[in-house]
Amino acid sequence: MESSLEVGFLRAAEKAAIASARTMGYGKRKYSDQVAVEAMRDELNRLKMRGSVVIGEGERDKAPMLYVGEPLGRGWTEGEIYPEVDIAVDPLEGTNLCATGSANSIAVIAASEKGGLLNAPDIYMDKIVVGPTAAESVALNASVEDNLNAMAEAFQRDVDELTIIVLDRERHQDLIAQIREAGARIKLITDGDLSGGIAAAVRGTGVHAAMGIGGAPEGVLTAAAMRCLGGRMQGKLKPLEKWQEDRLRSMGFKDDEKVYDTSELASGNDIIFCASGVTDGDLLRGVRFFGGGIRVSSLFMSLKSNVIRFVDTIYREEGSKLAVSFT
């Protein structure tokens, strides 16, 4: 994609992070989501593209959303020929985390050429996510013990030195028991399995894998990040209720047992992934407000350019004079 689009996507994630960070700790999760959505939508509509949302957010909990099929960008209103882009968004991943001031809330956007991201239904997905070191060692259909032993061998360490991220949900009681029985450590998180999956693929976070059932749309976003990082994600659509089964059928998904690999979830050759920290987390620092400006920490990745950047951005308030400290 053109460099102007890359910069624009990063700015969209940053603006969504800033907007939601202003509501941090108010306990108003839907309001936090709403302002993030509005900020991201406004920035995306400035870009020279014909964008379409293939992964939206919020439908599952009736929150404000950038809806699936929504047109974004100047290409829909101007006569110029602009690139067609598929967009996956989660303007505020971890709405509860932002509302309570907890760690690991982020603003996320992924994009690819048209057809490059799976239009996954807004239901659940059983997942396993690992970084490059163990990318060829795991399989979703393998047992928990076998996957952990294979990961330990790939990392050249013992199983009891592995840390696995799991969402703290009742549905994961059996998974948690199997991980502990195999000897690995568990980091339970209340929300934000997308940020957990990304952390598993970045060295220095102390996380070696993410396992369990989370949102399918977040799975596609995670897969886009794994394509850029050289990691791996496998997922199986997991309808937990009758309406979710109906949603699958209506969208043409007929095989509940199919395991989607990374390149099926995010098949594009020109994938961009951006995440900006809202609250402090394992991967990114949260938005910091200070006299004269705002500081945002982001992760930017481009598959085509083979680039991974940790970006530290300062937005100066108009007329301000800053004494910048790089600490």
Protein backbone atom coordinates (compact mmCIF):
# COMPACT_ATOMS: atom_id res chain seq x y z
CA MET A 1 0.00 0.00 0.00
CA GLU A 2 1.05 3.58 -0.47
CA SER A 3 3.01 5.14 2.37
CA SER A 4 0.25 7.73 2.86
CA LEU A 5 -2.19 4.91 3.66
CA GLU A 6 0.27 3.32 6.09
CA VAL A 7 0.64 6.61 7.95
CA GLY A 8 -3.12 7.13 7.84
CA PHE A 9 -3.89 3.73 9.37
CA LEU A 10 -1.39 4.36 12.16
CA ARG A 11 -2.94 7.75 12.83
CA ALA A 12 -6.42 6.18 12.94
CA ALA A 13 -5.30 3.73 15.64
CA GLU A 14 -3.59 6.53 17.59
CA LYS A 15 -6.62 8.82 17.46
CA ALA A 16 -8.93 6.02 18.63
CA ALA A 17 -6.54 5.28 21.50
CA ILE A 18 -6.41 8.94 22.54
CA ALA A 19 -10.19 9.34 22.42
CA SER A 20 -10.85 6.27 24.54
CA ALA A 21 -7.99 7.06 26.96
CA ARG A 22 -9.76 10.31 27.84
CA THR A 23 -12.59 8.15 29.25
CA MET A 24 -10.31 5.73 31.12
CA GLY A 25 -11.57 4.84 34.58
CA TYR A 26 -15.03 6.36 34.20
CA GLY A 27 -16.68 2.93 34.20
CA LYS A 28 -18.57 3.74 30.98
CA ARG A 29 -17.45 0.96 28.64
CA LYS A 30 -19.93 1.69 25.84
CA TYR A 31 -19.08 5.38 25.89
CA SER A 32 -15.37 4.53 25.71
CA ASP A 33 -16.08 2.31 22.71
CA GLN A 34 -18.24 4.95 21.07
CA VAL A 35 -15.62 7.70 21.16
CA ALA A 36 -12.97 5.28 19.86
CA VAL A 37 -15.24 4.26 16.96
CA GLU A 38 -16.00 7.87 16.06
CA ALA A 39 -12.35 8.91 16.14
CA MET A 40 -11.24 5.96 14.01
CA ARG A 41 -14.06 6.41 11.51
CA ASP A 42 -13.24 10.10 11.10
CA GLU A 43 -9.57 9.39 10.36
CA LEU A 44 -10.26 6.50 7.99
CA ASN A 45 -12.68 8.61 5.97
CA ARG A 46 -9.86 11.07 5.26
CA LEU A 47 -7.76 8.47 3.42
CA LYS A 48 -7.44 8.13 -0.35
CA MET A 49 -8.93 4.64 -0.64
CA ARG A 50 -12.13 2.73 -1.27
CA GLY A 51 -12.18 0.90 2.02
CA SER A 52 -14.72 -1.69 3.18
CA VAL A 53 -15.05 -3.05 6.71
CA VAL A 54 -14.86 -6.85 6.64
CA ILE A 55 -14.35 -7.24 10.40
CA GLY A 56 -16.34 -4.81 12.51
CA GLU A 57 -16.89 -4.75 16.23
CA GLY A 58 -19.54 -4.37 18.85
CA GLU A 59 -22.39 -6.39 17.38
CA ARG A 60 -22.02 -9.14 19.92
CA ASP A 61 -22.64 -6.78 22.86
CA LYS A 62 -24.80 -4.19 21.06
CA ALA A 63 -22.10 -1.53 21.35
CA PRO A 64 -21.42 1.25 18.83
CA MET A 65 -19.61 -0.17 15.83
CA LEU A 66 -17.86 0.25 12.56
CA TYR A 67 -20.24 -2.19 10.90
CA VAL A 68 -19.35 -4.93 8.43
CA GLY A 69 -19.75 -3.59 4.89
CA GLU A 70 -19.35 0.03 5.93
CA PRO A 71 -17.62 2.08 3.20
CA LEU A 72 -14.66 4.14 4.38
CA GLY A 73 -12.35 6.56 2.61
CA ARG A 74 -12.53 9.34 0.05
CA GLY A 75 -12.80 6.94 -2.87
CA TRP A 76 -16.54 6.52 -2.34
CA THR A 77 -17.29 10.23 -2.78
CA GLU A 78 -14.56 11.49 -5.10
CA GLY A 79 -14.14 10.71 -8.78
CA GLU A 80 -10.50 9.63 -8.43
CA ILE A 81 -9.42 5.99 -8.74
CA TYR A 82 -8.20 4.92 -5.32
CA PRO A 83 -7.08 1.44 -4.14
CA GLU A 84 -9.69 -0.99 -2.82
CA VAL A 85 -8.87 -2.00 0.73
CA ASP A 86 -10.39 -4.49 3.15
CA ILE A 87 -10.32 -3.29 6.75
CA ALA A 88 -10.58 -5.12 10.08
CA VAL A 89 -11.01 -3.01 13.19
CA ASP A 90 -11.35 -3.15 16.92
CA PRO A 91 -11.29 0.53 17.89
CA LEU A 92 -11.13 -0.40 21.56
CA GLU A 93 -10.09 -3.93 22.40
CA GLY A 94 -10.70 -4.35 26.09
CA THR A 95 -13.59 -1.96 26.71
CA ASN A 96 -13.88 -3.21 30.30
CA LEU A 97 -10.14 -2.72 30.78
CA CYS A 98 -10.39 0.90 29.68
CA ALA A 99 -13.50 1.52 31.76
CA THR A 100 -11.81 0.22 34.90
CA GLY A 101 -8.32 1.57 34.18
CA SER A 102 -6.87 -1.94 33.90
CA ALA A 103 -3.91 -2.99 31.76
CA ASN A 104 -3.72 -4.11 28.11
CA SER A 105 -6.48 -2.09 26.45
CA ILE A 106 -5.51 -1.23 22.85
CA ALA A 107 -6.91 0.29 19.64
CA VAL A 108 -6.39 -1.97 16.62
CA ILE A 109 -6.71 -1.83 12.84
CA ALA A 110 -5.59 -4.21 10.10
CA ALA A 111 -5.90 -3.74 6.36
CA SER A 112 -5.11 -5.59 3.16
CA GLU A 113 -5.80 -5.54 -0.53
CA LYS A 114 -9.39 -6.54 -1.40
CA GLY A 115 -10.12 -10.15 -0.43
CA GLY A 116 -7.11 -10.45 1.87
CA LEU A 117 -8.95 -10.84 5.21
CA LEU A 118 -11.52 -13.51 6.07
CA ASN A 119 -14.98 -12.08 6.73
CA ALA A 120 -15.41 -14.06 9.92
CA PRO A 121 -18.80 -14.14 11.65
CA ASP A 122 -19.11 -12.36 14.98
CA ILE A 123 -19.15 -15.56 17.04
CA TYR A 124 -16.47 -17.44 18.99
CA MET A 125 -13.34 -19.21 17.82
CA ASP A 126 -11.11 -21.81 19.47
CA LYS A 127 -7.51 -20.58 19.00
CA ILE A 128 -3.87 -21.28 19.49
CA VAL A 129 -1.33 -18.50 18.89
CA VAL A 130 2.46 -18.76 18.97
CA GLY A 131 5.40 -16.71 17.75
CA PRO A 132 7.98 -17.60 15.09
CA THR A 133 10.00 -19.92 17.36
CA ALA A 134 7.18 -22.44 17.74
CA ALA A 135 5.25 -21.66 14.55
CA GLU A 136 5.87 -25.08 13.01
CA SER A 137 5.46 -27.01 16.27
CA VAL A 138 1.79 -26.63 17.21
CA ALA A 139 -1.57 -27.79 15.89
CA LEU A 140 -4.98 -26.84 17.21
CA ASN A 141 -6.24 -30.42 16.99
CA ALA A 142 -3.28 -31.79 18.96
CA SER A 143 -3.63 -32.32 22.70
CA VAL A 144 -2.69 -29.56 25.12
CA GLU A 145 0.14 -31.71 26.48
CA ASP A 146 1.53 -32.46 23.02
CA ASN A 147 1.45 -28.79 22.04
CA LEU A 148 3.21 -27.72 25.23
CA ASN A 149 5.88 -30.39 24.85
CA ALA A 150 6.44 -29.32 21.23
CA MET A 151 6.69 -25.67 22.26
CA ALA A 152 9.16 -26.50 25.03
CA GLU A 153 11.34 -28.34 22.53
CA ALA A 154 11.17 -25.42 20.08
CA PHE A 155 12.18 -22.95 22.80
CA GLN A 156 14.78 -25.40 24.16
CA ARG A 157 13.42 -25.17 27.69
CA ASP A 158 11.29 -27.19 30.06
CA VAL A 159 7.50 -27.11 29.98
CA ASP A 160 7.42 -25.53 33.45
CA GLU A 161 9.25 -22.53 32.00
CA LEU A 162 6.44 -21.78 29.52
CA THR A 163 3.76 -19.16 30.22
CA ILE A 164 0.42 -19.47 28.45
CA ILE A 165 -2.21 -16.73 28.25
CA VAL A 166 -5.82 -17.86 28.76
CA LEU A 167 -9.00 -15.81 29.12
CA ASP A 168 -10.43 -16.22 32.61
CA ARG A 169 -13.75 -17.79 31.62
CA GLU A 170 -15.76 -20.70 32.98
CA ARG A 171 -15.58 -22.38 29.55
CA HIS A 172 -11.79 -22.71 30.01
CA GLN A 173 -11.80 -24.72 33.24
CA ASP A 174 -10.81 -27.92 31.46
CA LEU A 175 -8.14 -26.15 29.36
CA ILE A 176 -6.66 -24.53 32.46
CA ALA A 177 -6.55 -27.89 34.25
CA GLN A 178 -4.78 -29.54 31.30
CA ILE A 179 -2.16 -26.78 31.04
CA ARG A 180 -1.40 -26.99 34.75
CA GLU A 181 -1.32 -30.78 34.70
CA ALA A 182 1.25 -30.60 31.87
CA GLY A 183 3.34 -28.32 34.08
CA ALA A 184 3.16 -24.95 32.30
CA ARG A 185 2.36 -21.64 33.92
CA ILE A 186 -0.81 -19.70 33.12
CA LYS A 187 -1.42 -15.98 32.91
CA LEU A 188 -5.17 -15.50 33.26
CA ILE A 189 -6.57 -12.33 31.68
CA THR A 190 -10.03 -10.86 32.17
CA ASP A 191 -10.33 -9.42 28.63
CA GLY A 192 -8.26 -8.70 25.53
CA ASP A 193 -7.27 -12.01 23.94
CA LEU A 194 -6.06 -10.10 20.85
CA SER A 195 -3.36 -8.26 22.80
CA GLY A 196 -2.55 -11.55 24.52
CA GLY A 197 -2.06 -13.29 21.18
CA ILE A 198 0.23 -10.56 19.89
CA ALA A 199 2.24 -10.64 23.13
CA ALA A 200 2.82 -14.37 22.55
CA ALA A 201 4.62 -13.59 19.30
CA VAL A 202 6.87 -10.79 20.59
CA ARG A 203 10.07 -11.67 22.44
CA GLY A 204 10.50 -10.05 25.83
CA THR A 205 6.86 -10.19 26.96
CA GLY A 206 7.39 -13.40 28.93
CA VAL A 207 4.47 -15.07 27.10
CA HIS A 208 4.97 -18.12 24.90
CA ALA A 209 1.46 -18.88 23.60
CA ALA A 210 -2.20 -17.97 23.84
CA MET A 211 -4.88 -20.67 23.96
CA GLY A 212 -8.63 -20.88 24.31
CA ILE A 213 -11.93 -19.62 22.97
CA GLY A 214 -12.33 -15.94 22.11
CA GLY A 215 -13.93 -13.81 19.44
CA ALA A 216 -13.60 -14.88 15.80
CA PRO A 217 -13.19 -11.30 14.54
CA GLU A 218 -10.31 -10.82 16.98
CA GLY A 219 -8.91 -14.06 15.55
CA VAL A 220 -8.65 -12.54 12.09
CA LEU A 221 -6.92 -9.46 13.50
CA THR A 222 -4.50 -11.71 15.39
CA ALA A 223 -3.81 -13.70 12.22
CA ALA A 224 -3.00 -10.48 10.35
CA ALA A 225 -0.46 -9.65 13.05
CA MET A 226 0.99 -13.18 12.89
CA ARG A 227 1.49 -12.87 9.12
CA CYS A 228 3.63 -9.79 9.76
CA LEU A 229 5.47 -11.27 12.74
CA GLY A 230 6.11 -14.71 11.28
CA GLY A 231 4.04 -16.34 14.01
CA ARG A 232 1.16 -18.75 13.65
CA MET A 233 -2.46 -18.81 14.60
CA GLN A 234 -4.91 -21.63 14.07
CA GLY A 235 -8.61 -21.26 14.75
CA LYS A 236 -11.82 -23.23 14.60
CA LEU A 237 -15.18 -21.45 14.55
CA LYS A 238 -17.03 -22.32 17.74
CA PRO A 239 -20.77 -21.58 17.86
CA LEU A 240 -21.83 -21.76 21.51
CA GLU A 241 -25.52 -20.94 21.02
CA LYS A 242 -28.23 -21.61 18.43
CA TRP A 243 -28.14 -18.07 17.04
CA GLN A 244 -24.41 -18.44 16.44
CA GLU A 245 -24.99 -21.65 14.48
CA ASP A 246 -27.59 -19.79 12.42
CA ARG A 247 -25.13 -16.95 11.82
CA LEU A 248 -22.53 -19.40 10.53
CA ARG A 249 -24.94 -21.00 8.09
CA SER A 250 -26.25 -17.66 6.82
CA MET A 251 -22.70 -16.56 5.98
CA GLY A 252 -21.89 -19.77 4.12
CA PHE A 253 -19.74 -21.49 6.77
CA LYS A 254 -20.80 -25.14 6.74
CA ASP A 255 -17.89 -27.06 8.29
CA ASP A 256 -17.70 -26.50 12.05
CA GLU A 257 -14.62 -28.73 12.29
CA LYS A 258 -12.48 -26.87 9.77
CA VAL A 259 -9.24 -25.53 11.23
CA TYR A 260 -8.26 -22.21 9.69
CA ASP A 261 -4.55 -21.54 9.51
CA THR A 262 -2.90 -18.13 9.55
CA SER A 263 -2.80 -17.71 5.78
CA GLU A 264 -6.49 -18.60 5.43
CA LEU A 265 -7.59 -16.07 8.03
CA ALA A 266 -5.34 -13.35 6.60
CA SER A 267 -4.43 -14.33 3.04
CA GLY A 268 -3.40 -10.93 1.68
CA ASN A 269 0.04 -10.15 0.28
CA ASP A 270 -0.12 -6.52 1.38
CA ILE A 271 -1.19 -6.57 5.03
CA ILE A 272 -0.82 -3.68 7.44
CA PHE A 273 -1.38 -4.00 11.19
CA CYS A 274 -1.46 -1.16 13.71
CA ALA A 275 -2.09 -1.24 17.46
CA SER A 276 -1.92 1.71 19.85
CA GLY A 277 -1.87 1.38 23.62
CA VAL A 278 -4.79 2.85 25.55
CA THR A 279 -3.77 1.65 29.01
CA ASP A 280 -0.34 0.35 29.99
CA GLY A 281 0.20 -3.27 29.03
CA ASP A 282 2.67 -6.09 28.39
CA LEU A 283 3.30 -4.88 24.83
CA LEU A 284 2.59 -1.14 24.73
CA ARG A 285 2.42 1.79 27.11
CA GLY A 286 -0.89 3.56 27.47
CA VAL A 287 -1.71 7.08 26.31
CA ARG A 288 0.02 9.73 28.44
CA PHE A 289 -1.42 13.22 28.79
CA PHE A 290 0.91 15.97 29.94
CA GLY A 291 1.22 19.74 29.81
CA GLY A 292 1.39 20.71 26.16
CA GLY A 293 0.73 17.38 24.48
CA ILE A 294 -0.19 13.71 24.28
CA ARG A 295 2.14 10.73 23.90
CA VAL A 296 1.05 7.49 22.23
CA SER A 297 2.90 4.18 21.92
CA SER A 298 2.08 2.01 18.92
CA LEU A 299 3.09 -1.12 17.05
CA PHE A 300 3.11 -0.83 13.25
CA MET A 301 3.72 -3.77 10.92
CA SER A 302 3.76 -4.15 7.13
CA LEU A 303 3.95 -7.60 5.53
CA LYS A 304 4.89 -6.29 2.08
CA SER A 305 7.67 -4.06 3.39
CA ASN A 306 8.74 -6.67 5.97
CA VAL A 307 8.80 -3.89 8.56
CA ILE A 308 7.96 -3.97 12.28
CA ARG A 309 8.12 -0.67 14.12
CA PHE A 310 7.48 0.38 17.69
CA VAL A 311 6.37 3.98 17.26
CA ASP A 312 6.38 6.68 19.93
CA THR A 313 4.29 9.68 18.82
CA ILE A 314 3.77 13.03 20.48
CA TYR A 315 0.83 15.20 19.47
CA ARG A 316 1.56 18.79 20.47
CA GLU A 317 -1.27 20.99 21.59
CA GLU A 318 -1.61 24.09 19.44
CA GLY A 319 0.70 26.88 20.62
CA SER A 320 2.44 24.71 23.21
CA LYS A 321 6.15 24.63 23.93
CA LEU A 322 7.36 21.21 24.96
CA ALA A 323 10.39 20.02 26.85
CA VAL A 324 10.51 16.44 25.56
CA SER A 325 12.06 13.75 27.77
CA PHE A 326 12.78 10.37 26.14
CA THR A 327 12.37 8.07 29.12
